[in-house]
Amino acid sequence: MLYNSYTVIWLPSSMKWAIWGDRNYGICILGLRDANHRVDAWPIVKTWRPMDQTVLSWVALNFANQQLPQEVVDSLFLHYSNEAK
């Protein structure tokens, strides 16, 4: 992802999870098919963050004056969070 692609998607054969990576935003998003799998995955992804203000602040680094447009915030929460903003 660092050298040859702007968007990368990883899917296992089980289809229990997926990772979407976007070099433009500098983030990878892990999606779990079932929230109960979060407990199983936690030891592997313990350094990852839920969709929160920390993640939004990282994405904001890609925008002028580090101001994240509200439509980007809404889209991230709509597609990658269990919460709505």
PDB file of N, CA and C in Angstrom:
ATOM      1  N   MET A   1       0.814  -1.192   0.000  1.00  0.00           N
ATOM      2  CA  MET A   1       0.000   0.000   0.000  1.00  0.00           C
ATOM      3  C   MET A   1       0.854   1.250   0.000  1.00  0.00           C
ATOM      4  N   LEU A   2       2.004   1.181   0.591  1.00  0.00           N
ATOM      5  CA  LEU A   2       2.841   2.371   0.667  1.00  0.00           C
ATOM      6  C   LEU A   2       3.415   2.787  -0.678  1.00  0.00           C
ATOM      7  N   TYR A   3       3.530   1.871  -1.611  1.00  0.00           N
ATOM      8  CA  TYR A   3       4.275   2.180  -2.818  1.00  0.00           C
ATOM      9  C   TYR A   3       3.521   2.062  -4.135  1.00  0.00           C
ATOM     10  N   ASN A   4       2.454   1.268  -4.196  1.00  0.00           N
ATOM     11  CA  ASN A   4       1.907   1.043  -5.532  1.00  0.00           C
ATOM     12  C   ASN A   4       0.399   1.213  -5.652  1.00  0.00           C
ATOM     13  N   SER A   5      -0.312   1.469  -4.595  1.00  0.00           N
ATOM     14  CA  SER A   5      -1.761   1.548  -4.697  1.00  0.00           C
ATOM     15  C   SER A   5      -2.298   2.668  -3.822  1.00  0.00           C
ATOM     16  N   TYR A   6      -3.397   3.251  -4.231  1.00  0.00           N
ATOM     17  CA  TYR A   6      -4.057   4.248  -3.395  1.00  0.00           C
ATOM     18  C   TYR A   6      -5.159   3.614  -2.559  1.00  0.00           C
ATOM     19  N   THR A   7      -5.782   2.574  -3.067  1.00  0.00           N
ATOM     20  CA  THR A   7      -6.812   1.860  -2.328  1.00  0.00           C
ATOM     21  C   THR A   7      -6.515   0.371  -2.393  1.00  0.00           C
ATOM     22  N   VAL A   8      -6.543  -0.274  -1.225  1.00  0.00           N
ATOM     23  CA  VAL A   8      -6.288  -1.705  -1.141  1.00  0.00           C
ATOM     24  C   VAL A   8      -7.375  -2.307  -0.264  1.00  0.00           C
ATOM     25  N   ILE A   9      -7.857  -3.478  -0.661  1.00  0.00           N
ATOM     26  CA  ILE A   9      -8.871  -4.176   0.118  1.00  0.00           C
ATOM     27  C   ILE A   9      -8.395  -5.599   0.362  1.00  0.00           C
ATOM     28  N   TRP A  10      -8.483  -6.028   1.611  1.00  0.00           N
ATOM     29  CA  TRP A  10      -8.146  -7.396   1.978  1.00  0.00           C
ATOM     30  C   TRP A  10      -9.421  -8.087   2.442  1.00  0.00           C
ATOM     31  N   LEU A  11      -9.687  -9.278   1.902  1.00  0.00           N
ATOM     32  CA  LEU A  11     -10.841 -10.089   2.289  1.00  0.00           C
ATOM     33  C   LEU A  11     -10.390 -11.533   2.491  1.00  0.00           C
ATOM     34  N   PRO A  12     -10.711 -12.135   3.640  1.00  0.00           N
ATOM     35  CA  PRO A  12     -10.369 -13.542   3.823  1.00  0.00           C
ATOM     36  C   PRO A  12     -11.433 -14.424   3.177  1.00  0.00           C
ATOM     37  N   SER A  13     -11.120 -15.674   2.988  1.00  0.00           N
ATOM     38  CA  SER A  13     -12.102 -16.587   2.403  1.00  0.00           C
ATOM     39  C   SER A  13     -13.322 -16.765   3.310  1.00  0.00           C
ATOM     40  N   SER A  14     -13.162 -16.560   4.609  1.00  0.00           N
ATOM     41  CA  SER A  14     -14.290 -16.695   5.537  1.00  0.00           C
ATOM     42  C   SER A  14     -15.283 -15.542   5.410  1.00  0.00           C
ATOM     43  N   MET A  15     -14.841 -14.423   4.860  1.00  0.00           N
ATOM     44  CA  MET A  15     -15.657 -13.210   4.716  1.00  0.00           C
ATOM     45  C   MET A  15     -16.152 -12.686   6.067  1.00  0.00           C
ATOM     46  N   LYS A  16     -15.447 -12.992   7.147  1.00  0.00           N
ATOM     47  CA  LYS A  16     -15.836 -12.515   8.475  1.00  0.00           C
ATOM     48  C   LYS A  16     -15.312 -11.117   8.765  1.00  0.00           C
ATOM     49  N   TRP A  17     -14.366 -10.670   7.975  1.00  0.00           N
ATOM     50  CA  TRP A  17     -13.815  -9.338   8.165  1.00  0.00           C
ATOM     51  C   TRP A  17     -13.300  -8.814   6.833  1.00  0.00           C
ATOM     52  N   ALA A  18     -13.019  -7.533   6.793  1.00  0.00           N
ATOM     53  CA  ALA A  18     -12.413  -6.909   5.623  1.00  0.00           C
ATOM     54  C   ALA A  18     -11.599  -5.715   6.088  1.00  0.00           C
ATOM     55  N   ILE A  19     -10.553  -5.417   5.354  1.00  0.00           N
ATOM     56  CA  ILE A  19      -9.771  -4.211   5.615  1.00  0.00           C
ATOM     57  C   ILE A  19      -9.756  -3.389   4.335  1.00  0.00           C
ATOM     58  N   TRP A  20     -10.100  -2.122   4.479  1.00  0.00           N
ATOM     59  CA  TRP A  20     -10.067  -1.178   3.366  1.00  0.00           C
ATOM     60  C   TRP A  20      -8.992  -0.155   3.699  1.00  0.00           C
ATOM     61  N   GLY A  21      -8.010  -0.017   2.840  1.00  0.00           N
ATOM     62  CA  GLY A  21      -6.935   0.932   3.070  1.00  0.00           C
ATOM     63  C   GLY A  21      -6.954   2.022   2.023  1.00  0.00           C
ATOM     64  N   ASP A  22      -6.748   3.249   2.453  1.00  0.00           N
ATOM     65  CA  ASP A  22      -6.755   4.401   1.556  1.00  0.00           C
ATOM     66  C   ASP A  22      -5.520   5.244   1.823  1.00  0.00           C
ATOM     67  N   ARG A  23      -4.598   5.250   0.887  1.00  0.00           N
ATOM     68  CA  ARG A  23      -3.363   6.011   1.061  1.00  0.00           C
ATOM     69  C   ARG A  23      -3.635   7.509   1.054  1.00  0.00           C
ATOM     70  N   ASN A  24      -4.671   7.959   0.332  1.00  0.00           N
ATOM     71  CA  ASN A  24      -4.993   9.388   0.325  1.00  0.00           C
ATOM     72  C   ASN A  24      -5.272   9.897   1.733  1.00  0.00           C
ATOM     73  N   TYR A  25      -5.977   9.108   2.543  1.00  0.00           N
ATOM     74  CA  TYR A  25      -6.287   9.502   3.918  1.00  0.00           C
ATOM     75  C   TYR A  25      -5.272   8.976   4.914  1.00  0.00           C
ATOM     76  N   GLY A  26      -4.436   8.023   4.499  1.00  0.00           N
ATOM     77  CA  GLY A  26      -3.439   7.460   5.395  1.00  0.00           C
ATOM     78  C   GLY A  26      -4.034   6.562   6.466  1.00  0.00           C
ATOM     79  N   ILE A  27      -5.120   5.876   6.132  1.00  0.00           N
ATOM     80  CA  ILE A  27      -5.775   5.021   7.118  1.00  0.00           C
ATOM     81  C   ILE A  27      -6.133   3.672   6.505  1.00  0.00           C
ATOM     82  N   CYS A  28      -6.312   2.693   7.372  1.00  0.00           N
ATOM     83  CA  CYS A  28      -6.904   1.409   7.022  1.00  0.00           C
ATOM     84  C   CYS A  28      -8.074   1.213   7.966  1.00  0.00           C
ATOM     85  N   ILE A  29      -9.164   0.707   7.436  1.00  0.00           N
ATOM     86  CA  ILE A  29     -10.369   0.498   8.240  1.00  0.00           C
ATOM     87  C   ILE A  29     -10.674  -0.993   8.257  1.00  0.00           C
ATOM     88  N   LEU A  30     -10.822  -1.530   9.461  1.00  0.00           N
ATOM     89  CA  LEU A  30     -11.161  -2.934   9.651  1.00  0.00           C
ATOM     90  C   LEU A  30     -12.657  -3.027   9.884  1.00  0.00           C
ATOM     91  N   GLY A  31     -13.323  -3.819   9.076  1.00  0.00           N
ATOM     92  CA  GLY A  31     -14.752  -4.056   9.250  1.00  0.00           C
ATOM     93  C   GLY A  31     -14.986  -5.498   9.634  1.00  0.00           C
ATOM     94  N   LEU A  32     -15.794  -5.705  10.658  1.00  0.00           N
ATOM     95  CA  LEU A  32     -16.116  -7.048  11.124  1.00  0.00           C
ATOM     96  C   LEU A  32     -17.568  -7.362  10.794  1.00  0.00           C
ATOM     97  N   ARG A  33     -17.797  -8.531  10.273  1.00  0.00           N
ATOM     98  CA  ARG A  33     -19.151  -8.932   9.893  1.00  0.00           C
ATOM     99  C   ARG A  33     -20.071  -9.002  11.107  1.00  0.00           C
ATOM    100  N   ASP A  34     -19.541  -9.447  12.222  1.00  0.00           N
ATOM    101  CA  ASP A  34     -20.320  -9.612  13.449  1.00  0.00           C
ATOM    102  C   ASP A  34     -19.559  -8.922  14.575  1.00  0.00           C
ATOM    103  N   ALA A  35     -20.222  -8.072  15.327  1.00  0.00           N
ATOM    104  CA  ALA A  35     -19.565  -7.346  16.417  1.00  0.00           C
ATOM    105  C   ALA A  35     -18.947  -8.299  17.436  1.00  0.00           C
ATOM    106  N   ASN A  36     -19.476  -9.502  17.562  1.00  0.00           N
ATOM    107  CA  ASN A  36     -18.907 -10.470  18.495  1.00  0.00           C
ATOM    108  C   ASN A  36     -17.508 -10.906  18.084  1.00  0.00           C
ATOM    109  N   HIS A  37     -17.156 -10.794  16.814  1.00  0.00           N
ATOM    110  CA  HIS A  37     -15.809 -11.151  16.364  1.00  0.00           C
ATOM    111  C   HIS A  37     -14.762 -10.152  16.844  1.00  0.00           C
ATOM    112  N   ARG A  38     -15.219  -8.994  17.292  1.00  0.00           N
ATOM    113  CA  ARG A  38     -14.297  -7.971  17.782  1.00  0.00           C
ATOM    114  C   ARG A  38     -13.467  -8.519  18.938  1.00  0.00           C
ATOM    115  N   VAL A  39     -14.083  -9.291  19.809  1.00  0.00           N
ATOM    116  CA  VAL A  39     -13.373  -9.875  20.949  1.00  0.00           C
ATOM    117  C   VAL A  39     -12.285 -10.823  20.461  1.00  0.00           C
ATOM    118  N   ASP A  40     -12.587 -11.621  19.447  1.00  0.00           N
ATOM    119  CA  ASP A  40     -11.598 -12.558  18.906  1.00  0.00           C
ATOM    120  C   ASP A  40     -10.436 -11.812  18.236  1.00  0.00           C
ATOM    121  N   ALA A  41     -10.737 -10.710  17.580  1.00  0.00           N
ATOM    122  CA  ALA A  41      -9.715  -9.974  16.838  1.00  0.00           C
ATOM    123  C   ALA A  41      -8.905  -9.028  17.722  1.00  0.00           C
ATOM    124  N   TRP A  42      -9.391  -8.711  18.900  1.00  0.00           N
ATOM    125  CA  TRP A  42      -8.754  -7.682  19.723  1.00  0.00           C
ATOM    126  C   TRP A  42      -7.260  -7.897  19.965  1.00  0.00           C
ATOM    127  N   PRO A  43      -6.788  -9.116  20.289  1.00  0.00           N
ATOM    128  CA  PRO A  43      -5.338  -9.272  20.506  1.00  0.00           C
ATOM    129  C   PRO A  43      -4.510  -8.899  19.271  1.00  0.00           C
ATOM    130  N   ILE A  44      -5.057  -9.076  18.101  1.00  0.00           N
ATOM    131  CA  ILE A  44      -4.332  -8.781  16.868  1.00  0.00           C
ATOM    132  C   ILE A  44      -4.352  -7.290  16.551  1.00  0.00           C
ATOM    133  N   VAL A  45      -5.472  -6.635  16.829  1.00  0.00           N
ATOM    134  CA  VAL A  45      -5.641  -5.232  16.415  1.00  0.00           C
ATOM    135  C   VAL A  45      -5.715  -4.286  17.609  1.00  0.00           C
ATOM    136  N   LYS A  46      -5.110  -4.652  18.729  1.00  0.00           N
ATOM    137  CA  LYS A  46      -5.244  -3.845  19.945  1.00  0.00           C
ATOM    138  C   LYS A  46      -4.689  -2.424  19.799  1.00  0.00           C
ATOM    139  N   THR A  47      -3.828  -2.188  18.834  1.00  0.00           N
ATOM    140  CA  THR A  47      -3.307  -0.835  18.641  1.00  0.00           C
ATOM    141  C   THR A  47      -4.167  -0.014  17.681  1.00  0.00           C
ATOM    142  N   TRP A  48      -5.200  -0.617  17.101  1.00  0.00           N
ATOM    143  CA  TRP A  48      -6.098   0.104  16.214  1.00  0.00           C
ATOM    144  C   TRP A  48      -7.079   0.905  17.052  1.00  0.00           C
ATOM    145  N   ARG A  49      -7.701   1.910  16.446  1.00  0.00           N
ATOM    146  CA  ARG A  49      -8.651   2.781  17.139  1.00  0.00           C
ATOM    147  C   ARG A  49     -10.043   2.622  16.552  1.00  0.00           C
ATOM    148  N   PRO A  50     -11.082   2.764  17.385  1.00  0.00           N
ATOM    149  CA  PRO A  50     -12.437   2.825  16.817  1.00  0.00           C
ATOM    150  C   PRO A  50     -12.594   4.158  16.089  1.00  0.00           C
ATOM    151  N   MET A  51     -13.614   4.269  15.258  1.00  0.00           N
ATOM    152  CA  MET A  51     -13.866   5.528  14.562  1.00  0.00           C
ATOM    153  C   MET A  51     -14.222   6.572  15.621  1.00  0.00           C
ATOM    154  N   ASP A  52     -13.280   7.477  15.891  1.00  0.00           N
ATOM    155  CA  ASP A  52     -13.480   8.484  16.922  1.00  0.00           C
ATOM    156  C   ASP A  52     -12.733   9.761  16.536  1.00  0.00           C
ATOM    157  N   GLN A  53     -12.666  10.691  17.452  1.00  0.00           N
ATOM    158  CA  GLN A  53     -12.026  11.969  17.164  1.00  0.00           C
ATOM    159  C   GLN A  53     -10.543  11.814  16.851  1.00  0.00           C
ATOM    160  N   THR A  54      -9.888  10.808  17.436  1.00  0.00           N
ATOM    161  CA  THR A  54      -8.472  10.582  17.135  1.00  0.00           C
ATOM    162  C   THR A  54      -8.293  10.225  15.669  1.00  0.00           C
ATOM    163  N   VAL A  55      -9.097   9.296  15.180  1.00  0.00           N
ATOM    164  CA  VAL A  55      -9.005   8.888  13.781  1.00  0.00           C
ATOM    165  C   VAL A  55      -9.358  10.062  12.876  1.00  0.00           C
ATOM    166  N   LEU A  56     -10.386  10.808  13.234  1.00  0.00           N
ATOM    167  CA  LEU A  56     -10.753  11.974  12.423  1.00  0.00           C
ATOM    168  C   LEU A  56      -9.628  12.999  12.386  1.00  0.00           C
ATOM    169  N   SER A  57      -8.908  13.146  13.491  1.00  0.00           N
ATOM    170  CA  SER A  57      -7.787  14.103  13.498  1.00  0.00           C
ATOM    171  C   SER A  57      -6.665  13.634  12.582  1.00  0.00           C
ATOM    172  N   TRP A  58      -6.466  12.319  12.453  1.00  0.00           N
ATOM    173  CA  TRP A  58      -5.461  11.796  11.523  1.00  0.00           C
ATOM    174  C   TRP A  58      -5.875  12.073  10.083  1.00  0.00           C
ATOM    175  N   VAL A  59      -7.140  11.840   9.772  1.00  0.00           N
ATOM    176  CA  VAL A  59      -7.640  12.071   8.422  1.00  0.00           C
ATOM    177  C   VAL A  59      -7.574  13.567   8.097  1.00  0.00           C
ATOM    178  N   ALA A  60      -7.827  14.408   9.077  1.00  0.00           N
ATOM    179  CA  ALA A  60      -7.822  15.860   8.868  1.00  0.00           C
ATOM    180  C   ALA A  60      -6.465  16.375   8.402  1.00  0.00           C
ATOM    181  N   LEU A  61      -5.401  15.657   8.700  1.00  0.00           N
ATOM    182  CA  LEU A  61      -4.069  16.080   8.265  1.00  0.00           C
ATOM    183  C   LEU A  61      -3.955  16.175   6.746  1.00  0.00           C
ATOM    184  N   ASN A  62      -4.858  15.525   6.039  1.00  0.00           N
ATOM    185  CA  ASN A  62      -4.828  15.511   4.585  1.00  0.00           C
ATOM    186  C   ASN A  62      -5.562  16.686   3.948  1.00  0.00           C
ATOM    187  N   PHE A  63      -6.149  17.554   4.748  1.00  0.00           N
ATOM    188  CA  PHE A  63      -6.962  18.656   4.234  1.00  0.00           C
ATOM    189  C   PHE A  63      -6.351  20.000   4.598  1.00  0.00           C
ATOM    190  N   ALA A  64      -6.676  20.997   3.777  1.00  0.00           N
ATOM    191  CA  ALA A  64      -6.176  22.356   4.022  1.00  0.00           C
ATOM    192  C   ALA A  64      -6.557  22.795   5.431  1.00  0.00           C
ATOM    193  N   ASN A  65      -5.613  23.406   6.119  1.00  0.00           N
ATOM    194  CA  ASN A  65      -5.804  23.887   7.490  1.00  0.00           C
ATOM    195  C   ASN A  65      -6.264  22.788   8.450  1.00  0.00           C
ATOM    196  N   GLN A  66      -6.061  21.553   8.063  1.00  0.00           N
ATOM    197  CA  GLN A  66      -6.446  20.390   8.865  1.00  0.00           C
ATOM    198  C   GLN A  66      -7.910  20.456   9.297  1.00  0.00           C
ATOM    199  N   GLN A  67      -8.742  21.020   8.414  1.00  0.00           N
ATOM    200  CA  GLN A  67     -10.185  21.109   8.646  1.00  0.00           C
ATOM    201  C   GLN A  67     -10.871  20.015   7.848  1.00  0.00           C
ATOM    202  N   LEU A  68     -11.442  19.065   8.532  1.00  0.00           N
ATOM    203  CA  LEU A  68     -12.107  17.942   7.898  1.00  0.00           C
ATOM    204  C   LEU A  68     -13.514  18.359   7.484  1.00  0.00           C
ATOM    205  N   PRO A  69     -13.837  18.302   6.187  1.00  0.00           N
ATOM    206  CA  PRO A  69     -15.184  18.673   5.752  1.00  0.00           C
ATOM    207  C   PRO A  69     -16.234  17.776   6.415  1.00  0.00           C
ATOM    208  N   GLN A  70     -17.356  18.367   6.788  1.00  0.00           N
ATOM    209  CA  GLN A  70     -18.410  17.618   7.478  1.00  0.00           C
ATOM    210  C   GLN A  70     -18.905  16.445   6.646  1.00  0.00           C
ATOM    211  N   GLU A  71     -18.935  16.589   5.317  1.00  0.00           N
ATOM    212  CA  GLU A  71     -19.404  15.471   4.489  1.00  0.00           C
ATOM    213  C   GLU A  71     -18.461  14.275   4.569  1.00  0.00           C
ATOM    214  N   VAL A  72     -17.170  14.511   4.793  1.00  0.00           N
ATOM    215  CA  VAL A  72     -16.222  13.413   4.974  1.00  0.00           C
ATOM    216  C   VAL A  72     -16.462  12.739   6.322  1.00  0.00           C
ATOM    217  N   VAL A  73     -16.656  13.536   7.358  1.00  0.00           N
ATOM    218  CA  VAL A  73     -16.966  12.994   8.692  1.00  0.00           C
ATOM    219  C   VAL A  73     -18.229  12.146   8.616  1.00  0.00           C
ATOM    220  N   ASP A  74     -19.277  12.691   8.010  1.00  0.00           N
ATOM    221  CA  ASP A  74     -20.547  11.965   7.906  1.00  0.00           C
ATOM    222  C   ASP A  74     -20.380  10.666   7.142  1.00  0.00           C
ATOM    223  N   SER A  75     -19.612  10.704   6.056  1.00  0.00           N
ATOM    224  CA  SER A  75     -19.407   9.507   5.245  1.00  0.00           C
ATOM    225  C   SER A  75     -18.633   8.438   6.014  1.00  0.00           C
ATOM    226  N   LEU A  76     -17.572   8.833   6.723  1.00  0.00           N
ATOM    227  CA  LEU A  76     -16.793   7.875   7.499  1.00  0.00           C
ATOM    228  C   LEU A  76     -17.654   7.211   8.566  1.00  0.00           C
ATOM    229  N   PHE A  77     -18.439   8.004   9.291  1.00  0.00           N
ATOM    230  CA  PHE A  77     -19.286   7.423  10.329  1.00  0.00           C
ATOM    231  C   PHE A  77     -20.421   6.592   9.749  1.00  0.00           C
ATOM    232  N   LEU A  78     -20.946   7.007   8.625  1.00  0.00           N
ATOM    233  CA  LEU A  78     -22.026   6.250   7.997  1.00  0.00           C
ATOM    234  C   LEU A  78     -21.555   4.861   7.574  1.00  0.00           C
ATOM    235  N   HIS A  79     -20.379   4.813   6.971  1.00  0.00           N
ATOM    236  CA  HIS A  79     -19.888   3.562   6.403  1.00  0.00           C
ATOM    237  C   HIS A  79     -19.012   2.731   7.326  1.00  0.00           C
ATOM    238  N   TYR A  80     -18.385   3.349   8.316  1.00  0.00           N
ATOM    239  CA  TYR A  80     -17.367   2.633   9.091  1.00  0.00           C
ATOM    240  C   TYR A  80     -17.533   2.720  10.593  1.00  0.00           C
ATOM    241  N   SER A  81     -18.733   2.966  11.074  1.00  0.00           N
ATOM    242  CA  SER A  81     -18.930   3.066  12.515  1.00  0.00           C
ATOM    243  C   SER A  81     -20.292   2.492  12.880  1.00  0.00           C
ATOM    244  N   ASN A  82     -20.414   2.108  14.124  1.00  0.00           N
ATOM    245  CA  ASN A  82     -21.713   1.691  14.639  1.00  0.00           C
ATOM    246  C   ASN A  82     -22.484   2.901  15.159  1.00  0.00           C
ATOM    247  N   GLU A  83     -21.848   4.068  15.132  1.00  0.00           N
ATOM    248  CA  GLU A  83     -22.468   5.304  15.616  1.00  0.00           C
ATOM    249  C   GLU A  83     -22.742   6.233  14.439  1.00  0.00           C
ATOM    250  N   ALA A  84     -23.713   7.085  14.605  1.00  0.00           N
ATOM    251  CA  ALA A  84     -23.972   8.126  13.606  1.00  0.00           C
ATOM    252  C   ALA A  84     -23.496   9.448  14.164  1.00  0.00           C
ATOM    253  N   LYS A  85     -23.020  10.317  13.312  1.00  0.00           N
ATOM    254  CA  LYS A  85     -22.573  11.654  13.733  1.00  0.00           C
ATOM    255  C   LYS A  85     -23.439  12.683  13.093  1.00  0.00           C
TER     256      LYS A  85
END
